Amino acid sequence: MRIESVEIFSDRTNAAVMRHPGRAFPGVLVQGDSLHILCQQADAACKEIGRDAPGYEDLNDLRDTLRSYLNHYKATLAEYGMKLPFYEPKLP
């Protein structure tokens, strides 16, 4: 972990806009619990639409991208011994 200054353009709850050092454009900070909810919504949408429906592949790609962000978030918190801000049941 390192500490650096970031430019904060907006600190609106669940939608902070900030620019990381060295980046040309700002990004949006999505809180971990909000990211988890987005993943759950994407899972539900994929289940609802079904594999044979038009647009499923694009929706599934979106779900996979969100899930990769969430997995990176969870691994990073685990690396630093931090608890998740949401509950995930343990798989058997």
N, C-alpha and C. Protein backbone atom coordinates (compact mmCIF):
# COMPACT_ATOMS: atom_id res chain seq x y z
N MET A 1 0.85 -1.17 0.00
CA MET A 1 0.00 0.00 0.00
C MET A 1 0.90 1.23 0.00
N ARG A 2 0.41 2.26 -0.67
CA ARG A 2 1.12 3.53 -0.65
C ARG A 2 0.09 4.64 -0.49
N ILE A 3 0.56 5.78 -0.08
CA ILE A 3 -0.32 6.94 0.11
C ILE A 3 0.12 8.02 -0.86
N GLU A 4 -0.84 8.49 -1.66
CA GLU A 4 -0.59 9.57 -2.61
C GLU A 4 -1.80 10.50 -2.59
N SER A 5 -1.58 11.70 -3.06
CA SER A 5 -2.68 12.65 -3.18
C SER A 5 -3.46 12.36 -4.45
N VAL A 6 -4.76 12.51 -4.38
CA VAL A 6 -5.63 12.40 -5.55
C VAL A 6 -6.41 13.69 -5.68
N GLU A 7 -6.80 14.00 -6.90
CA GLU A 7 -7.65 15.17 -7.12
C GLU A 7 -9.10 14.71 -7.00
N ILE A 8 -9.84 15.35 -6.10
CA ILE A 8 -11.24 14.99 -5.89
C ILE A 8 -12.11 16.07 -6.52
N PHE A 9 -12.85 15.67 -7.55
CA PHE A 9 -13.72 16.60 -8.25
C PHE A 9 -15.11 16.63 -7.61
N SER A 10 -15.53 15.51 -7.06
CA SER A 10 -16.82 15.40 -6.37
C SER A 10 -16.70 14.28 -5.35
N ASP A 11 -17.21 14.50 -4.16
CA ASP A 11 -17.20 13.43 -3.16
C ASP A 11 -18.62 12.98 -2.84
N ARG A 12 -19.46 13.05 -3.85
CA ARG A 12 -20.85 12.59 -3.70
C ARG A 12 -20.85 11.13 -3.24
N THR A 13 -21.71 10.80 -2.32
CA THR A 13 -21.81 9.45 -1.77
C THR A 13 -22.04 8.44 -2.88
N ASN A 14 -21.25 7.38 -2.87
CA ASN A 14 -21.32 6.29 -3.84
C ASN A 14 -21.04 6.71 -5.27
N ALA A 15 -20.49 7.88 -5.48
CA ALA A 15 -20.15 8.33 -6.84
C ALA A 15 -19.06 9.40 -6.80
N ALA A 16 -18.06 9.20 -5.96
CA ALA A 16 -16.96 10.16 -5.89
C ALA A 16 -16.21 10.15 -7.22
N VAL A 17 -15.88 11.35 -7.70
CA VAL A 17 -15.13 11.48 -8.94
C VAL A 17 -13.75 12.01 -8.58
N MET A 18 -12.73 11.23 -8.94
CA MET A 18 -11.37 11.61 -8.59
C MET A 18 -10.40 11.17 -9.66
N ARG A 19 -9.25 11.84 -9.69
CA ARG A 19 -8.21 11.49 -10.66
C ARG A 19 -7.01 10.94 -9.91
N HIS A 20 -6.66 9.74 -10.26
CA HIS A 20 -5.49 9.07 -9.70
C HIS A 20 -4.23 9.73 -10.27
N PRO A 21 -3.17 9.84 -9.49
CA PRO A 21 -1.94 10.44 -10.00
C PRO A 21 -1.47 9.72 -11.28
N GLY A 22 -1.08 10.51 -12.26
CA GLY A 22 -0.58 9.95 -13.49
C GLY A 22 -1.63 9.61 -14.53
N ARG A 23 -2.89 9.76 -14.19
CA ARG A 23 -3.96 9.46 -15.13
C ARG A 23 -4.45 10.75 -15.77
N ALA A 24 -4.84 10.67 -17.04
CA ALA A 24 -5.31 11.86 -17.76
C ALA A 24 -6.73 12.24 -17.37
N PHE A 25 -7.56 11.24 -17.10
CA PHE A 25 -8.97 11.51 -16.81
C PHE A 25 -9.36 10.99 -15.44
N PRO A 26 -10.34 11.63 -14.83
CA PRO A 26 -10.86 11.15 -13.55
C PRO A 26 -11.65 9.86 -13.72
N GLY A 27 -11.86 9.18 -12.64
CA GLY A 27 -12.69 7.99 -12.59
C GLY A 27 -13.73 8.14 -11.50
N VAL A 28 -14.61 7.17 -11.42
CA VAL A 28 -15.65 7.15 -10.39
C VAL A 28 -15.29 6.07 -9.38
N LEU A 29 -15.26 6.43 -8.12
CA LEU A 29 -14.99 5.46 -7.06
C LEU A 29 -16.31 4.78 -6.70
N VAL A 30 -16.36 3.47 -6.89
CA VAL A 30 -17.53 2.68 -6.52
C VAL A 30 -17.19 1.96 -5.23
N GLN A 31 -17.95 2.19 -4.20
CA GLN A 31 -17.72 1.54 -2.92
C GLN A 31 -17.92 0.04 -3.07
N GLY A 32 -17.21 -0.74 -2.26
CA GLY A 32 -17.25 -2.20 -2.36
C GLY A 32 -18.64 -2.78 -2.18
N ASP A 33 -19.41 -2.25 -1.24
CA ASP A 33 -20.76 -2.79 -1.04
C ASP A 33 -21.65 -2.47 -2.23
N SER A 34 -21.45 -1.31 -2.85
CA SER A 34 -22.21 -0.96 -4.06
C SER A 34 -21.81 -1.85 -5.23
N LEU A 35 -20.53 -2.16 -5.35
CA LEU A 35 -20.05 -3.05 -6.40
C LEU A 35 -20.65 -4.44 -6.23
N HIS A 36 -20.72 -4.89 -5.00
CA HIS A 36 -21.31 -6.19 -4.70
C HIS A 36 -22.78 -6.22 -5.13
N ILE A 37 -23.51 -5.16 -4.86
CA ILE A 37 -24.92 -5.07 -5.26
C ILE A 37 -25.04 -5.07 -6.78
N LEU A 38 -24.17 -4.34 -7.48
CA LEU A 38 -24.19 -4.34 -8.95
C LEU A 38 -23.95 -5.74 -9.50
N CYS A 39 -23.05 -6.49 -8.89
CA CYS A 39 -22.80 -7.86 -9.32
C CYS A 39 -24.04 -8.74 -9.11
N GLN A 40 -24.70 -8.57 -7.98
CA GLN A 40 -25.92 -9.34 -7.72
C GLN A 40 -27.01 -8.99 -8.73
N GLN A 41 -27.13 -7.72 -9.07
CA GLN A 41 -28.12 -7.31 -10.05
C GLN A 41 -27.80 -7.87 -11.44
N ALA A 42 -26.53 -7.88 -11.80
CA ALA A 42 -26.12 -8.45 -13.09
C ALA A 42 -26.38 -9.96 -13.13
N ASP A 43 -26.12 -10.64 -12.01
CA ASP A 43 -26.42 -12.07 -11.94
C ASP A 43 -27.91 -12.32 -12.15
N ALA A 44 -28.73 -11.54 -11.46
CA ALA A 44 -30.18 -11.69 -11.58
C ALA A 44 -30.67 -11.40 -12.99
N ALA A 45 -30.10 -10.36 -13.63
CA ALA A 45 -30.50 -10.01 -14.99
C ALA A 45 -30.14 -11.12 -15.97
N CYS A 46 -28.95 -11.71 -15.83
CA CYS A 46 -28.54 -12.81 -16.70
C CYS A 46 -29.45 -14.01 -16.52
N LYS A 47 -29.80 -14.29 -15.28
CA LYS A 47 -30.69 -15.42 -15.00
C LYS A 47 -32.08 -15.16 -15.60
N GLU A 48 -32.56 -13.94 -15.46
CA GLU A 48 -33.89 -13.58 -15.95
C GLU A 48 -33.97 -13.62 -17.47
N ILE A 49 -32.95 -13.09 -18.14
CA ILE A 49 -33.00 -12.99 -19.60
C ILE A 49 -32.77 -14.35 -20.26
N GLY A 50 -31.96 -15.20 -19.66
CA GLY A 50 -31.70 -16.53 -20.22
C GLY A 50 -30.64 -16.51 -21.31
N ARG A 51 -29.93 -17.61 -21.42
CA ARG A 51 -28.80 -17.72 -22.34
C ARG A 51 -29.17 -17.58 -23.82
N ASP A 52 -30.39 -17.91 -24.17
CA ASP A 52 -30.79 -17.88 -25.58
C ASP A 52 -31.34 -16.53 -26.03
N ALA A 53 -31.50 -15.60 -25.11
CA ALA A 53 -32.11 -14.31 -25.44
C ALA A 53 -31.11 -13.41 -26.16
N PRO A 54 -31.61 -12.57 -27.08
CA PRO A 54 -30.73 -11.58 -27.71
C PRO A 54 -30.15 -10.65 -26.63
N GLY A 55 -28.89 -10.36 -26.75
CA GLY A 55 -28.24 -9.47 -25.80
C GLY A 55 -27.63 -10.18 -24.60
N TYR A 56 -27.86 -11.49 -24.47
CA TYR A 56 -27.33 -12.20 -23.31
C TYR A 56 -25.81 -12.12 -23.27
N GLU A 57 -25.15 -12.30 -24.40
CA GLU A 57 -23.68 -12.30 -24.41
C GLU A 57 -23.12 -10.97 -23.92
N ASP A 58 -23.71 -9.86 -24.36
CA ASP A 58 -23.25 -8.55 -23.90
C ASP A 58 -23.50 -8.38 -22.40
N LEU A 59 -24.67 -8.81 -21.95
CA LEU A 59 -24.99 -8.72 -20.53
C LEU A 59 -24.05 -9.59 -19.70
N ASN A 60 -23.75 -10.77 -20.20
CA ASN A 60 -22.85 -11.67 -19.49
C ASN A 60 -21.43 -11.10 -19.45
N ASP A 61 -20.99 -10.44 -20.53
CA ASP A 61 -19.69 -9.78 -20.53
C ASP A 61 -19.63 -8.69 -19.46
N LEU A 62 -20.71 -7.92 -19.36
CA LEU A 62 -20.79 -6.88 -18.32
C LEU A 62 -20.71 -7.52 -16.95
N ARG A 63 -21.46 -8.59 -16.75
CA ARG A 63 -21.44 -9.29 -15.45
C ARG A 63 -20.04 -9.79 -15.14
N ASP A 64 -19.36 -10.37 -16.12
CA ASP A 64 -18.01 -10.88 -15.90
C ASP A 64 -17.03 -9.77 -15.54
N THR A 65 -17.18 -8.60 -16.18
CA THR A 65 -16.30 -7.47 -15.88
C THR A 65 -16.54 -6.98 -14.45
N LEU A 66 -17.80 -6.83 -14.08
CA LEU A 66 -18.11 -6.41 -12.71
C LEU A 66 -17.58 -7.42 -11.70
N ARG A 67 -17.76 -8.69 -12.00
CA ARG A 67 -17.30 -9.75 -11.08
C ARG A 67 -15.77 -9.71 -10.96
N SER A 68 -15.05 -9.42 -12.05
CA SER A 68 -13.59 -9.35 -11.95
C SER A 68 -13.16 -8.18 -11.07
N TYR A 69 -13.87 -7.05 -11.16
CA TYR A 69 -13.57 -5.92 -10.27
C TYR A 69 -13.83 -6.32 -8.82
N LEU A 70 -14.94 -7.00 -8.57
CA LEU A 70 -15.27 -7.42 -7.21
C LEU A 70 -14.24 -8.41 -6.68
N ASN A 71 -13.83 -9.36 -7.50
CA ASN A 71 -12.82 -10.34 -7.06
C ASN A 71 -11.49 -9.66 -6.73
N HIS A 72 -11.11 -8.67 -7.54
CA HIS A 72 -9.89 -7.91 -7.25
C HIS A 72 -10.03 -7.14 -5.93
N TYR A 73 -11.18 -6.54 -5.72
CA TYR A 73 -11.47 -5.80 -4.49
C TYR A 73 -11.36 -6.74 -3.28
N LYS A 74 -11.98 -7.91 -3.37
CA LYS A 74 -11.97 -8.86 -2.25
C LYS A 74 -10.56 -9.36 -1.97
N ALA A 75 -9.80 -9.66 -3.02
CA ALA A 75 -8.43 -10.14 -2.84
C ALA A 75 -7.55 -9.06 -2.21
N THR A 76 -7.75 -7.82 -2.62
CA THR A 76 -6.96 -6.72 -2.07
C THR A 76 -7.27 -6.52 -0.60
N LEU A 77 -8.54 -6.54 -0.23
CA LEU A 77 -8.89 -6.40 1.18
C LEU A 77 -8.34 -7.55 2.00
N ALA A 78 -8.41 -8.77 1.47
CA ALA A 78 -7.87 -9.93 2.17
C ALA A 78 -6.36 -9.79 2.37
N GLU A 79 -5.68 -9.27 1.36
CA GLU A 79 -4.23 -9.08 1.45
C GLU A 79 -3.86 -8.16 2.61
N TYR A 80 -4.71 -7.19 2.90
CA TYR A 80 -4.44 -6.24 3.97
C TYR A 80 -5.21 -6.55 5.26
N GLY A 81 -5.82 -7.74 5.31
CA GLY A 81 -6.49 -8.18 6.53
C GLY A 81 -7.74 -7.39 6.86
N MET A 82 -8.40 -6.87 5.84
CA MET A 82 -9.60 -6.07 6.06
C MET A 82 -10.85 -6.90 5.80
N LYS A 83 -11.90 -6.62 6.55
CA LYS A 83 -13.17 -7.32 6.37
C LYS A 83 -13.93 -6.72 5.21
N LEU A 84 -14.75 -7.55 4.57
CA LEU A 84 -15.61 -7.08 3.49
C LEU A 84 -16.78 -6.27 4.06
N PRO A 85 -17.24 -5.26 3.34
CA PRO A 85 -18.37 -4.47 3.82
C PRO A 85 -19.72 -5.08 3.43
N PHE A 86 -19.73 -6.37 3.10
CA PHE A 86 -20.95 -7.07 2.73
C PHE A 86 -20.77 -8.53 3.11
N TYR A 87 -21.89 -9.24 3.16
CA TYR A 87 -21.86 -10.66 3.52
C TYR A 87 -21.88 -11.51 2.27
N GLU A 88 -21.01 -12.49 2.21
CA GLU A 88 -21.03 -13.49 1.15
C GLU A 88 -20.96 -14.85 1.82
N PRO A 89 -21.97 -15.67 1.56
CA PRO A 89 -21.93 -17.02 2.18
C PRO A 89 -20.77 -17.82 1.65
N LYS A 90 -20.21 -18.63 2.50
CA LYS A 90 -19.09 -19.52 2.11
C LYS A 90 -19.65 -20.66 1.27
N LEU A 91 -18.96 -20.94 0.16
CA LEU A 91 -19.37 -22.07 -0.67
C LEU A 91 -18.79 -23.35 -0.11
N PRO A 92 -19.57 -24.46 -0.19
CA PRO A 92 -19.06 -25.72 0.35
C PRO A 92 -17.90 -26.27 -0.45
